[in-house]
């Protein structure tokens, strides 16, 4: 598809990568007994991880402990390599509310063996996303409230001000390792409060009241 016909507000249809930042909130790192990182922890999800409202989040057949992680997603509008921190926000088209669904039992097993987290993080439907949020609606991505409820019960609530590495830093850091392209999504980490979800659970999440989304959990 020629770039002139791409609509960044539908980035999930053609964006080429999802770059995820782990342990970017100190309280979340601590709740999983992980050290607070001194540089960003990165992993990837494939575009096939995207799922939109109206379709279910599927628990992988090989997992019995699926966790929710609510995150602010940054949608890249102008690509670049080795982007300077001072100009990083010029590369942002907008934002999305995202969930980083994690097969925690599988991740724990991978970590114990020193293996990558791919099985735990990159399965189909592991990246639920909201509608695109134009950047004007979130003037300061370093100060917005994220929340998530399971079956109406508040499980996660935090503010992006708690992030260890803020959005401009992450854009600069990631782009020094891999070229960021139009339509790419950066997941910026999750606040504390992650917990298990089961088949038939309903997840509702939001960035303040700017954007919300609701998903049901099903099984493969």
Protein backbone atom coordinates (compact mmCIF):
# COMPACT_ATOMS: atom_id res chain seq x y z
CA UNK A 1 0.00 0.00 0.00
CA UNK A 2 1.45 3.36 -0.96
CA UNK A 3 2.10 5.62 1.99
CA UNK A 4 -0.17 8.28 0.52
CA UNK A 5 -3.18 5.99 0.99
CA UNK A 6 -2.42 5.05 4.57
CA UNK A 7 -4.63 6.41 7.31
CA UNK A 8 -2.68 6.62 10.57
CA UNK A 9 -5.95 6.65 12.53
CA UNK A 10 -6.24 2.98 11.51
CA UNK A 11 -2.63 2.12 12.31
CA UNK A 12 -3.57 -1.39 13.49
CA UNK A 13 -4.47 -2.37 9.91
CA UNK A 14 -1.02 -1.71 8.43
CA UNK A 15 1.49 -0.71 11.11
CA UNK A 16 4.51 -3.02 10.99
CA UNK A 17 5.59 -3.38 14.61
CA UNK A 18 4.58 -3.03 18.22
CA UNK A 19 7.49 -2.10 20.47
CA UNK A 20 6.75 -2.78 24.14
CA UNK A 21 8.50 -1.39 27.20
CA UNK A 22 8.58 -3.64 30.26
CA UNK A 23 8.91 -2.60 33.89
CA UNK A 24 8.50 1.13 33.18
CA UNK A 25 6.60 1.75 36.44
CA UNK A 26 8.62 1.03 39.58
CA UNK A 27 5.61 -0.27 41.57
CA UNK A 28 4.80 -2.79 38.81
CA UNK A 29 8.41 -3.99 38.67
CA UNK A 30 8.32 -4.51 42.43
CA UNK A 31 4.98 -6.35 42.46
CA UNK A 32 6.52 -8.97 40.15
CA UNK A 33 9.74 -9.07 42.18
CA UNK A 34 11.77 -7.54 39.36
CA UNK A 35 14.56 -5.04 39.76
CA UNK A 36 13.71 -1.46 38.76
CA UNK A 37 15.52 -1.06 35.42
CA UNK A 38 18.24 1.48 34.70
CA UNK A 39 17.49 1.37 30.97
CA UNK A 40 14.32 0.41 29.10
CA UNK A 41 13.43 -3.28 28.82
CA UNK A 42 12.14 -3.90 25.28
CA UNK A 43 10.21 -6.70 23.62
CA UNK A 44 8.09 -6.95 20.47
CA UNK A 45 4.61 -8.02 19.49
CA UNK A 46 3.65 -8.79 15.87
CA UNK A 47 0.83 -6.89 14.14
CA UNK A 48 -1.29 -10.07 14.39
CA UNK A 49 -1.48 -9.35 18.15
CA UNK A 50 -3.91 -6.48 17.52
CA UNK A 51 -7.55 -7.01 18.46
CA UNK A 52 -10.33 -4.43 18.41
CA UNK A 53 -13.53 -3.98 20.38
CA UNK A 54 -16.20 -6.43 19.31
CA UNK A 55 -13.75 -9.33 19.15
CA UNK A 56 -12.67 -11.26 22.25
CA UNK A 57 -9.31 -11.52 23.96
CA UNK A 58 -8.37 -15.18 23.65
CA UNK A 59 -6.53 -17.02 26.41
CA UNK A 60 -3.77 -19.06 24.73
CA UNK A 61 -4.39 -22.80 24.92
CA UNK A 62 -1.01 -23.24 26.63
CA UNK A 63 -1.67 -20.75 29.46
CA UNK A 64 -3.72 -20.93 32.64
CA UNK A 65 -2.78 -17.51 34.05
CA UNK A 66 -3.49 -14.61 31.67
CA UNK A 67 -2.83 -11.13 33.09
CA UNK A 68 -4.04 -7.70 32.00
CA UNK A 69 -1.64 -4.75 31.74
CA UNK A 70 -3.19 -1.38 30.80
CA UNK A 71 -0.87 0.97 28.91
CA UNK A 72 -0.61 4.24 27.02
CA UNK A 73 0.28 3.50 23.40
CA UNK A 74 2.19 6.04 21.29
CA UNK A 75 1.44 5.99 17.57
CA UNK A 76 4.32 7.08 15.36
CA UNK A 77 3.37 9.50 12.59
CA UNK A 78 6.78 10.41 11.18
CA UNK A 79 9.42 7.71 11.18
CA UNK A 80 13.07 8.16 11.96
CA UNK A 81 16.34 6.66 13.15
CA UNK A 82 18.30 7.91 16.17
CA UNK A 83 15.65 10.55 16.90
CA UNK A 84 16.82 13.26 19.29
CA UNK A 85 14.93 13.45 22.57
CA UNK A 86 14.33 17.18 22.03
CA UNK A 87 12.42 16.54 18.78
CA UNK A 88 10.88 13.17 19.66
CA UNK A 89 7.34 14.48 20.11
CA UNK A 90 7.37 15.80 16.52
CA UNK A 91 7.26 12.14 15.45
CA UNK A 92 4.04 11.36 17.36
CA UNK A 93 0.76 11.21 15.41
CA UNK A 94 -1.36 10.37 18.41
CA UNK A 95 -2.09 7.79 21.06
CA UNK A 96 -4.13 4.70 21.82
CA UNK A 97 -5.28 2.93 24.93
CA UNK A 98 -3.75 -0.55 24.88
CA UNK A 99 -3.63 -3.75 26.87
CA UNK A 100 -0.49 -5.85 26.99
CA UNK A 101 -2.05 -9.26 27.67
CA UNK A 102 0.54 -11.53 29.23
CA UNK A 103 0.55 -15.28 29.80
CA UNK A 104 2.19 -14.85 33.20
CA UNK A 105 2.74 -18.55 33.90
CA UNK A 106 4.50 -18.90 30.56
CA UNK A 107 6.53 -15.73 31.13
CA UNK A 108 7.65 -16.98 34.54
CA UNK A 109 8.77 -20.27 33.00
CA UNK A 110 10.63 -18.45 30.21
CA UNK A 111 12.37 -16.16 32.71
CA UNK A 112 13.42 -19.14 34.85
CA UNK A 113 15.05 -20.75 31.80
CA UNK A 114 16.56 -17.51 30.50
CA UNK A 115 14.39 -17.71 27.37
CA UNK A 116 12.68 -14.89 25.41
CA UNK A 117 9.14 -13.88 26.35
CA UNK A 118 7.62 -14.40 22.90
CA UNK A 119 5.20 -17.17 23.90
CA UNK A 120 3.97 -15.07 26.82
CA UNK A 121 3.58 -11.77 25.01
CA UNK A 122 3.16 -12.16 21.24
CA UNK A 123 0.16 -14.46 20.78
CA UNK A 124 -2.89 -13.46 18.72
CA UNK A 125 -5.16 -10.96 20.58
CA UNK A 126 -2.37 -10.04 23.02
CA UNK A 127 -2.64 -6.33 22.08
CA UNK A 128 -6.20 -4.96 22.41
CA UNK A 129 -6.31 -1.36 21.17
CA UNK A 130 -8.80 1.50 21.32
CA UNK A 131 -9.68 4.03 18.70
CA UNK A 132 -6.86 6.36 17.66
CA UNK A 133 -6.57 9.43 19.92
CA UNK A 134 -5.25 12.56 18.14
CA UNK A 135 -2.25 14.06 19.93
CA UNK A 136 -4.13 17.30 20.65
CA UNK A 137 -6.43 15.37 23.02
CA UNK A 138 -3.48 14.36 25.22
CA UNK A 139 -1.35 17.51 25.39
CA UNK A 140 0.94 15.96 28.02
CA UNK A 141 1.40 12.17 27.72
CA UNK A 142 3.51 12.39 30.88
CA UNK A 143 0.47 13.21 33.01
CA UNK A 144 -2.63 11.14 32.26
CA UNK A 145 -4.50 8.63 34.40
CA UNK A 146 -4.80 5.02 33.26
CA UNK A 147 -7.36 2.67 34.77
CA UNK A 148 -8.73 -0.83 34.26
CA UNK A 149 -11.68 -2.69 35.77
CA UNK A 150 -12.44 -6.41 35.64
CA UNK A 151 -16.15 -7.20 35.96
CA UNK A 152 -16.67 -3.69 37.33
CA UNK A 153 -13.94 -3.95 40.00
CA UNK A 154 -11.06 -1.47 39.79
CA UNK A 155 -7.80 -3.41 39.41
CA UNK A 156 -5.31 -0.92 37.95
CA UNK A 157 -5.06 2.82 38.40
CA UNK A 158 -1.95 4.88 37.81
CA UNK A 159 -0.60 7.99 36.17
CA UNK A 160 1.95 8.18 33.37
CA UNK A 161 3.83 10.65 35.58
CA UNK A 162 4.99 7.49 37.41
CA UNK A 163 6.85 6.20 34.33
CA UNK A 164 10.58 5.69 34.85
CA UNK A 165 11.35 6.57 31.21
CA UNK A 166 9.03 9.21 29.70
CA UNK A 167 7.69 9.17 26.15
CA UNK A 168 10.38 11.37 24.49
CA UNK A 169 13.12 9.27 26.08
CA UNK A 170 11.50 6.05 24.85
CA UNK A 171 11.13 7.31 21.28
CA UNK A 172 14.78 8.36 21.20
CA UNK A 173 15.99 5.14 22.82
CA UNK A 174 13.98 2.79 20.59
CA UNK A 175 14.84 4.66 17.39
CA UNK A 176 18.55 4.33 18.15
CA UNK A 177 18.11 0.54 18.06
CA UNK A 178 15.52 0.08 15.31
CA UNK A 179 14.11 2.55 12.82
CA UNK A 180 10.66 3.73 13.83
CA UNK A 181 8.18 3.81 10.95
CA UNK A 182 4.84 5.49 10.39
CA UNK A 183 2.11 3.41 12.03
CA UNK A 184 4.39 1.77 14.58
CA UNK A 185 3.09 1.58 18.15
CA UNK A 186 5.12 1.95 21.34
CA UNK A 187 3.57 0.50 24.48
CA UNK A 188 4.95 2.51 27.38
CA UNK A 189 4.52 0.11 30.31
CA UNK A 190 1.88 -0.61 32.92
CA UNK A 191 1.21 0.66 36.45
CA UNK A 192 0.84 -1.72 39.40
CA UNK A 193 -2.25 -3.86 39.93
CA UNK A 194 -1.93 -6.50 37.23
CA UNK A 195 -4.01 -9.59 37.91
CA UNK A 196 -5.42 -12.71 36.32
CA UNK A 197 -8.45 -12.82 34.04
CA UNK A 198 -10.56 -15.80 33.06
CA UNK A 199 -12.97 -16.85 30.36
CA UNK A 200 -16.15 -14.69 30.31
CA UNK A 201 -14.54 -11.84 32.31
CA UNK A 202 -15.25 -8.32 31.05
CA UNK A 203 -12.39 -5.81 30.96
CA UNK A 204 -13.08 -2.09 30.78
CA UNK A 205 -10.15 0.33 30.55
CA UNK A 206 -9.58 4.02 29.97
CA UNK A 207 -7.21 6.92 29.63
CA UNK A 208 -9.03 9.20 32.07
CA UNK A 209 -12.35 9.74 30.28
CA UNK A 210 -10.64 10.62 26.99
CA UNK A 211 -11.04 7.13 25.57
CA UNK A 212 -12.42 3.88 26.96
CA UNK A 213 -12.78 0.35 25.65
CA UNK A 214 -14.42 -2.91 26.71
CA UNK A 215 -13.35 -6.46 25.91
CA UNK A 216 -14.57 -9.91 26.88
CA UNK A 217 -12.23 -12.82 27.52
CA UNK A 218 -12.71 -16.12 25.71
CA UNK A 219 -10.65 -19.28 25.23
CA UNK A 220 -9.05 -20.77 22.15
